[in-house]
């Protein structure tokens, strides 16, 4: 039985060409098993457990393709990282160390000394 495909007048010719290519490549496929013929999608081997996170990553990637809003997407990513830093830091300080009040702020001493560090560096830059 000969069927007509959209690329040539005879599917038999398509089948012969495909079999010839597979034979030359030495893949040993008969053309019957299509699971081994096409590669998997990138990242399909990963186990995705958090649909909300995957959705946000996909939306951020799609939005970052538009040059008009790329800067806003970068800001959102930065704010997300800062929020994650604060949430994880506060939880760690509270649960692991039993901290309360302002001690909950992660790296509290560094953040409190930051204004002094900035003023010293400004004075050094003004002298140079």
N, C-alpha and C. Protein backbone atom coordinates (compact mmCIF):
# COMPACT_ATOMS: atom_id res chain seq x y z
N UNK A 1 0.85 -1.17 0.00
CA UNK A 1 0.00 0.00 0.00
C UNK A 1 0.89 1.24 0.00
N UNK A 2 0.70 2.11 -0.92
CA UNK A 2 1.49 3.34 -1.02
C UNK A 2 0.61 4.51 -0.65
N UNK A 3 1.07 5.30 0.35
CA UNK A 3 0.33 6.48 0.77
C UNK A 3 1.07 7.72 0.32
N UNK A 4 0.36 8.79 0.13
CA UNK A 4 0.96 10.04 -0.33
C UNK A 4 1.20 10.95 0.86
N UNK A 5 2.41 11.51 0.94
CA UNK A 5 2.70 12.47 2.00
C UNK A 5 2.82 13.87 1.40
N UNK A 6 2.98 14.87 2.21
CA UNK A 6 3.01 16.23 1.72
C UNK A 6 4.37 16.60 1.10
N UNK A 7 5.42 15.84 1.30
CA UNK A 7 6.74 16.22 0.82
C UNK A 7 7.10 15.58 -0.53
N UNK A 8 6.59 14.43 -0.80
CA UNK A 8 6.91 13.79 -2.07
C UNK A 8 5.70 13.00 -2.56
N UNK A 9 5.83 12.46 -3.72
CA UNK A 9 4.69 11.76 -4.30
C UNK A 9 4.52 10.36 -3.75
N UNK A 10 5.50 9.87 -3.02
CA UNK A 10 5.40 8.49 -2.59
C UNK A 10 6.07 8.32 -1.23
N UNK A 11 5.34 7.83 -0.23
CA UNK A 11 5.90 7.62 1.10
C UNK A 11 6.93 6.51 1.10
N UNK A 12 6.85 5.62 0.13
CA UNK A 12 7.84 4.56 0.04
C UNK A 12 9.24 5.16 -0.11
N UNK A 13 9.34 6.23 -0.91
CA UNK A 13 10.62 6.90 -1.09
C UNK A 13 11.10 7.53 0.23
N UNK A 14 10.18 8.16 0.96
CA UNK A 14 10.53 8.73 2.28
C UNK A 14 11.02 7.65 3.22
N UNK A 15 10.32 6.52 3.23
CA UNK A 15 10.72 5.42 4.10
C UNK A 15 12.09 4.89 3.73
N UNK A 16 12.35 4.75 2.46
CA UNK A 16 13.66 4.26 1.99
C UNK A 16 14.77 5.24 2.37
N UNK A 17 14.50 6.53 2.21
CA UNK A 17 15.52 7.53 2.56
C UNK A 17 15.80 7.49 4.07
N UNK A 18 14.76 7.41 4.86
CA UNK A 18 14.93 7.36 6.31
C UNK A 18 15.70 6.12 6.73
N UNK A 19 15.35 4.99 6.17
CA UNK A 19 16.07 3.76 6.50
C UNK A 19 17.53 3.83 6.06
N UNK A 20 17.78 4.44 4.89
CA UNK A 20 19.16 4.60 4.42
C UNK A 20 19.98 5.48 5.35
N UNK A 21 19.39 6.57 5.81
CA UNK A 21 20.09 7.47 6.74
C UNK A 21 20.39 6.75 8.05
N UNK A 22 19.39 6.04 8.59
CA UNK A 22 19.60 5.32 9.83
C UNK A 22 20.65 4.23 9.67
N UNK A 23 20.66 3.58 8.54
CA UNK A 23 21.66 2.54 8.28
C UNK A 23 23.06 3.15 8.22
N UNK A 24 23.20 4.29 7.54
CA UNK A 24 24.51 4.96 7.44
C UNK A 24 25.00 5.43 8.80
N UNK A 25 24.07 5.90 9.63
CA UNK A 25 24.45 6.38 10.96
C UNK A 25 24.79 5.23 11.90
N UNK A 26 24.36 4.03 11.55
CA UNK A 26 24.66 2.87 12.38
C UNK A 26 23.87 2.84 13.66
N UNK A 27 22.70 3.45 13.66
CA UNK A 27 21.92 3.47 14.90
C UNK A 27 21.22 2.16 15.15
N UNK A 28 21.04 1.34 14.12
CA UNK A 28 20.43 0.03 14.32
C UNK A 28 18.93 0.08 14.50
N UNK A 29 18.32 1.24 14.29
CA UNK A 29 16.87 1.34 14.43
C UNK A 29 16.20 0.90 13.15
N UNK A 30 15.09 0.26 13.30
CA UNK A 30 14.33 -0.17 12.13
C UNK A 30 13.30 0.87 11.72
N UNK A 31 13.21 1.94 12.50
CA UNK A 31 12.22 2.96 12.19
C UNK A 31 10.90 2.72 12.90
N UNK A 32 10.78 1.61 13.62
CA UNK A 32 9.53 1.27 14.29
C UNK A 32 9.43 1.91 15.67
N UNK A 33 10.56 2.02 16.40
CA UNK A 33 10.57 2.53 17.77
C UNK A 33 10.91 4.02 17.76
N UNK A 34 9.91 4.86 17.97
CA UNK A 34 10.13 6.30 17.89
C UNK A 34 10.62 6.89 19.22
N UNK A 35 10.59 6.13 20.33
CA UNK A 35 11.03 6.66 21.61
C UNK A 35 12.52 6.98 21.62
N UNK A 36 13.31 6.18 20.92
CA UNK A 36 14.75 6.39 20.90
C UNK A 36 15.19 7.31 19.77
N UNK A 37 14.30 7.71 18.91
CA UNK A 37 14.68 8.46 17.73
C UNK A 37 14.79 9.95 18.00
N UNK A 38 14.00 10.50 18.91
CA UNK A 38 13.98 11.93 19.15
C UNK A 38 14.51 12.21 20.56
N UNK A 39 15.30 13.28 20.70
CA UNK A 39 15.83 13.61 22.03
C UNK A 39 14.72 14.14 22.94
N UNK A 40 14.95 14.00 24.23
CA UNK A 40 14.00 14.54 25.19
C UNK A 40 14.17 16.06 25.25
N UNK A 41 13.15 16.73 25.76
CA UNK A 41 13.24 18.17 25.93
C UNK A 41 14.25 18.50 27.02
N UNK A 42 14.90 19.64 26.89
CA UNK A 42 15.89 20.05 27.88
C UNK A 42 15.24 20.16 29.25
N UNK A 43 15.85 19.56 30.24
CA UNK A 43 15.35 19.61 31.61
C UNK A 43 14.24 18.63 31.91
N UNK A 44 13.87 17.77 30.96
CA UNK A 44 12.78 16.83 31.20
C UNK A 44 13.17 15.74 32.19
N UNK A 45 14.45 15.58 32.47
CA UNK A 45 14.90 14.58 33.43
C UNK A 45 14.76 15.07 34.86
N UNK A 46 14.53 16.37 35.05
CA UNK A 46 14.42 16.93 36.39
C UNK A 46 13.04 16.66 36.98
N UNK A 47 13.01 16.41 38.27
CA UNK A 47 11.75 16.22 38.97
C UNK A 47 11.30 17.58 39.50
N UNK A 48 10.18 18.07 38.99
CA UNK A 48 9.67 19.37 39.39
C UNK A 48 8.60 19.17 40.46
N UNK A 49 8.86 19.72 41.65
CA UNK A 49 7.96 19.49 42.78
C UNK A 49 7.15 20.72 43.16
N UNK A 50 7.54 21.90 42.68
CA UNK A 50 6.86 23.12 43.09
C UNK A 50 6.29 23.83 41.86
N UNK A 51 5.01 23.59 41.55
CA UNK A 51 4.44 24.19 40.35
C UNK A 51 4.42 25.71 40.39
N UNK A 52 4.22 26.31 41.55
CA UNK A 52 4.19 27.77 41.65
C UNK A 52 5.55 28.36 41.28
N UNK A 53 6.62 27.75 41.77
CA UNK A 53 7.96 28.23 41.46
C UNK A 53 8.26 28.08 39.97
N UNK A 54 7.89 26.96 39.40
CA UNK A 54 8.12 26.74 37.96
C UNK A 54 7.33 27.74 37.13
N UNK A 55 6.10 28.05 37.57
CA UNK A 55 5.29 29.04 36.85
C UNK A 55 5.93 30.41 36.90
N UNK A 56 6.40 30.83 38.08
CA UNK A 56 7.03 32.15 38.23
C UNK A 56 8.30 32.21 37.40
N UNK A 57 9.10 31.15 37.40
CA UNK A 57 10.32 31.14 36.59
C UNK A 57 10.00 31.26 35.11
N UNK A 58 8.97 30.57 34.67
CA UNK A 58 8.58 30.63 33.26
C UNK A 58 8.09 32.01 32.89
N UNK A 59 7.25 32.60 33.73
CA UNK A 59 6.73 33.94 33.44
C UNK A 59 7.86 34.96 33.42
N UNK A 60 8.78 34.88 34.38
CA UNK A 60 9.91 35.82 34.40
C UNK A 60 10.77 35.67 33.15
N UNK A 61 10.97 34.43 32.71
CA UNK A 61 11.77 34.23 31.51
C UNK A 61 11.08 34.80 30.28
N UNK A 62 9.77 34.58 30.16
CA UNK A 62 9.04 35.10 29.01
C UNK A 62 9.01 36.63 29.04
N UNK A 63 8.77 37.20 30.21
CA UNK A 63 8.73 38.67 30.31
C UNK A 63 10.09 39.30 30.05
N UNK A 64 11.17 38.61 30.43
CA UNK A 64 12.50 39.19 30.22
C UNK A 64 12.89 39.20 28.75
N UNK A 65 12.15 38.53 27.89
CA UNK A 65 12.43 38.56 26.46
C UNK A 65 12.07 39.91 25.85
N UNK A 66 11.14 40.63 26.47
CA UNK A 66 10.74 41.94 25.97
C UNK A 66 11.71 42.99 26.49
N UNK A 67 12.44 43.68 25.61
CA UNK A 67 13.43 44.65 26.08
C UNK A 67 12.82 45.83 26.83
N UNK A 68 11.54 46.10 26.61
CA UNK A 68 10.91 47.24 27.29
C UNK A 68 10.67 46.98 28.77
N UNK A 69 10.52 45.72 29.16
CA UNK A 69 10.23 45.43 30.57
C UNK A 69 11.31 44.57 31.22
N UNK A 70 12.43 44.38 30.56
CA UNK A 70 13.51 43.56 31.11
C UNK A 70 14.01 44.12 32.44
N UNK A 71 14.11 45.45 32.54
CA UNK A 71 14.60 46.07 33.77
C UNK A 71 13.66 45.81 34.95
N UNK A 72 12.35 45.87 34.70
CA UNK A 72 11.38 45.60 35.76
C UNK A 72 11.44 44.15 36.22
N UNK A 73 11.66 43.23 35.29
CA UNK A 73 11.78 41.81 35.65
C UNK A 73 13.03 41.60 36.51
N UNK A 74 14.12 42.29 36.17
CA UNK A 74 15.34 42.19 36.97
C UNK A 74 15.10 42.71 38.38
N UNK A 75 14.36 43.81 38.50
CA UNK A 75 14.02 44.35 39.83
C UNK A 75 13.19 43.35 40.63
N UNK A 76 12.21 42.72 39.96
CA UNK A 76 11.37 41.74 40.65
C UNK A 76 12.19 40.55 41.14
N UNK A 77 13.12 40.10 40.32
CA UNK A 77 13.99 39.00 40.74
C UNK A 77 14.83 39.40 41.95
N UNK A 78 15.39 40.61 41.91
CA UNK A 78 16.21 41.09 43.03
C UNK A 78 15.38 41.18 44.30
N UNK A 79 14.17 41.74 44.19
CA UNK A 79 13.31 41.84 45.37
C UNK A 79 12.92 40.46 45.89
N UNK A 80 12.72 39.51 45.01
CA UNK A 80 12.41 38.15 45.43
C UNK A 80 13.56 37.52 46.19
N UNK A 81 14.78 37.76 45.73
CA UNK A 81 15.96 37.23 46.42
C UNK A 81 16.12 37.86 47.79
N UNK A 82 15.89 39.18 47.87
CA UNK A 82 15.99 39.88 49.17
C UNK A 82 14.92 39.36 50.13
N UNK A 83 13.70 39.18 49.62
CA UNK A 83 12.63 38.66 50.47
C UNK A 83 12.94 37.25 50.96
N UNK A 84 13.46 36.42 50.08
CA UNK A 84 13.84 35.06 50.48
C UNK A 84 14.95 35.10 51.53
N UNK A 85 15.94 35.97 51.34
CA UNK A 85 17.04 36.13 52.31
C UNK A 85 16.49 36.51 53.69
N UNK A 86 15.58 37.48 53.70
CA UNK A 86 15.02 37.92 54.98
C UNK A 86 14.16 36.85 55.63
N UNK A 87 13.33 36.18 54.86
CA UNK A 87 12.44 35.15 55.42
C UNK A 87 13.25 33.99 55.99
N UNK A 88 14.19 33.49 55.20
CA UNK A 88 15.00 32.36 55.67
C UNK A 88 15.86 32.78 56.86
N UNK A 89 16.42 34.00 56.80
CA UNK A 89 17.25 34.49 57.91
C UNK A 89 16.47 34.64 59.20
N UNK A 90 15.27 35.20 59.12
CA UNK A 90 14.44 35.37 60.31
C UNK A 90 14.04 34.00 60.87
N UNK A 91 13.65 33.09 60.00
CA UNK A 91 13.28 31.75 60.48
C UNK A 91 14.46 31.05 61.15
N UNK A 92 15.65 31.18 60.56
CA UNK A 92 16.83 30.56 61.15
C UNK A 92 17.14 31.17 62.52
N UNK A 93 17.12 32.50 62.59
CA UNK A 93 17.43 33.17 63.86
C UNK A 93 16.42 32.77 64.94
N UNK A 94 15.15 32.66 64.56
CA UNK A 94 14.11 32.35 65.53
C UNK A 94 14.16 30.89 65.96
N UNK A 95 14.24 29.99 64.99
CA UNK A 95 14.13 28.56 65.32
C UNK A 95 15.43 27.95 65.80
N UNK A 96 16.55 28.33 65.21
CA UNK A 96 17.83 27.71 65.59
C UNK A 96 18.49 28.41 66.76
N UNK A 97 18.35 29.72 66.82
CA UNK A 97 19.03 30.47 67.87
C UNK A 97 18.11 31.02 68.95
N UNK A 98 16.81 30.96 68.72
CA UNK A 98 15.85 31.47 69.71
C UNK A 98 15.88 32.98 69.86
N UNK A 99 16.24 33.69 68.81
CA UNK A 99 16.34 35.15 68.85
C UNK A 99 14.95 35.78 68.85
N UNK A 100 14.88 37.00 69.40
CA UNK A 100 13.63 37.76 69.41
C UNK A 100 13.95 39.22 69.08
N UNK A 101 12.94 39.96 68.72
CA UNK A 101 13.09 41.40 68.46
C UNK A 101 14.00 41.68 67.28
N UNK A 102 14.89 42.68 67.45
CA UNK A 102 15.77 43.06 66.34
C UNK A 102 16.87 42.03 66.09
N UNK A 103 17.05 41.11 67.02
CA UNK A 103 18.03 40.03 66.81
C UNK A 103 17.60 39.08 65.70
N UNK A 104 16.32 39.14 65.31
CA UNK A 104 15.83 38.28 64.24
C UNK A 104 16.41 38.67 62.88
N UNK A 105 16.82 39.92 62.71
CA UNK A 105 17.35 40.38 61.43
C UNK A 105 18.65 39.64 61.12
N UNK A 106 18.73 38.96 59.97
CA UNK A 106 19.96 38.24 59.65
C UNK A 106 21.12 39.20 59.41
N UNK A 107 22.27 38.86 59.96
CA UNK A 107 23.48 39.69 59.88
C UNK A 107 23.23 41.10 60.41
N UNK A 108 22.56 41.17 61.53
CA UNK A 108 22.14 42.45 62.12
C UNK A 108 23.30 43.38 62.35
N UNK A 109 24.42 42.88 62.88
CA UNK A 109 25.57 43.74 63.18
C UNK A 109 26.15 44.35 61.91
N UNK A 110 26.17 43.60 60.84
CA UNK A 110 26.68 44.11 59.57
C UNK A 110 25.79 45.23 59.05
N UNK A 111 24.47 45.04 59.10
CA UNK A 111 23.55 46.06 58.61
C UNK A 111 23.61 47.32 59.48
N UNK A 112 23.81 47.15 60.78
CA UNK A 112 23.89 48.32 61.66
C UNK A 112 25.19 49.10 61.46
N UNK A 113 26.27 48.41 61.09
CA UNK A 113 27.54 49.11 60.88
C UNK A 113 27.69 49.64 59.45
N UNK A 114 26.76 49.34 58.58
CA UNK A 114 26.85 49.77 57.18
C UNK A 114 26.90 51.29 57.00
N UNK A 115 26.10 52.10 57.71
CA UNK A 115 26.22 53.55 57.54
C UNK A 115 27.62 54.08 57.89
N UNK A 116 28.23 53.54 58.93
CA UNK A 116 29.58 53.96 59.29
C UNK A 116 30.58 53.58 58.21
N UNK A 117 30.45 52.39 57.66
CA UNK A 117 31.35 51.95 56.60
C UNK A 117 31.22 52.83 55.36
N UNK A 118 29.99 53.24 55.04
CA UNK A 118 29.78 54.11 53.89
C UNK A 118 30.39 55.48 54.11
N UNK A 119 30.22 56.04 55.31
CA UNK A 119 30.78 57.37 55.57
C UNK A 119 32.31 57.34 55.56
N UNK A 120 32.91 56.26 56.07
CA UNK A 120 34.38 56.15 56.03
C UNK A 120 34.86 56.04 54.59
N UNK A 121 34.18 55.27 53.78
CA UNK A 121 34.62 55.13 52.39
C UNK A 121 34.43 56.43 51.61
N UNK A 122 33.39 57.21 51.95
CA UNK A 122 33.20 58.51 51.30
C UNK A 122 34.32 59.47 51.67
N UNK A 123 34.74 59.44 52.94
CA UNK A 123 35.83 60.32 53.37
C UNK A 123 37.13 59.93 52.67
N UNK A 124 37.39 58.62 52.53
CA UNK A 124 38.60 58.18 51.85
C UNK A 124 38.59 58.59 50.39
N UNK A 125 37.43 58.50 49.74
CA UNK A 125 37.32 58.90 48.33
C UNK A 125 37.52 60.40 48.18
N UNK A 126 37.04 61.19 49.15
CA UNK A 126 37.20 62.64 49.08
C UNK A 126 38.65 63.06 49.26
N UNK A 127 39.41 62.32 50.07
CA UNK A 127 40.81 62.61 50.30
C UNK A 127 41.62 62.26 49.06
N UNK A 128 41.31 61.16 48.41
CA UNK A 128 42.05 60.71 47.22
C UNK A 128 41.72 61.55 46.07
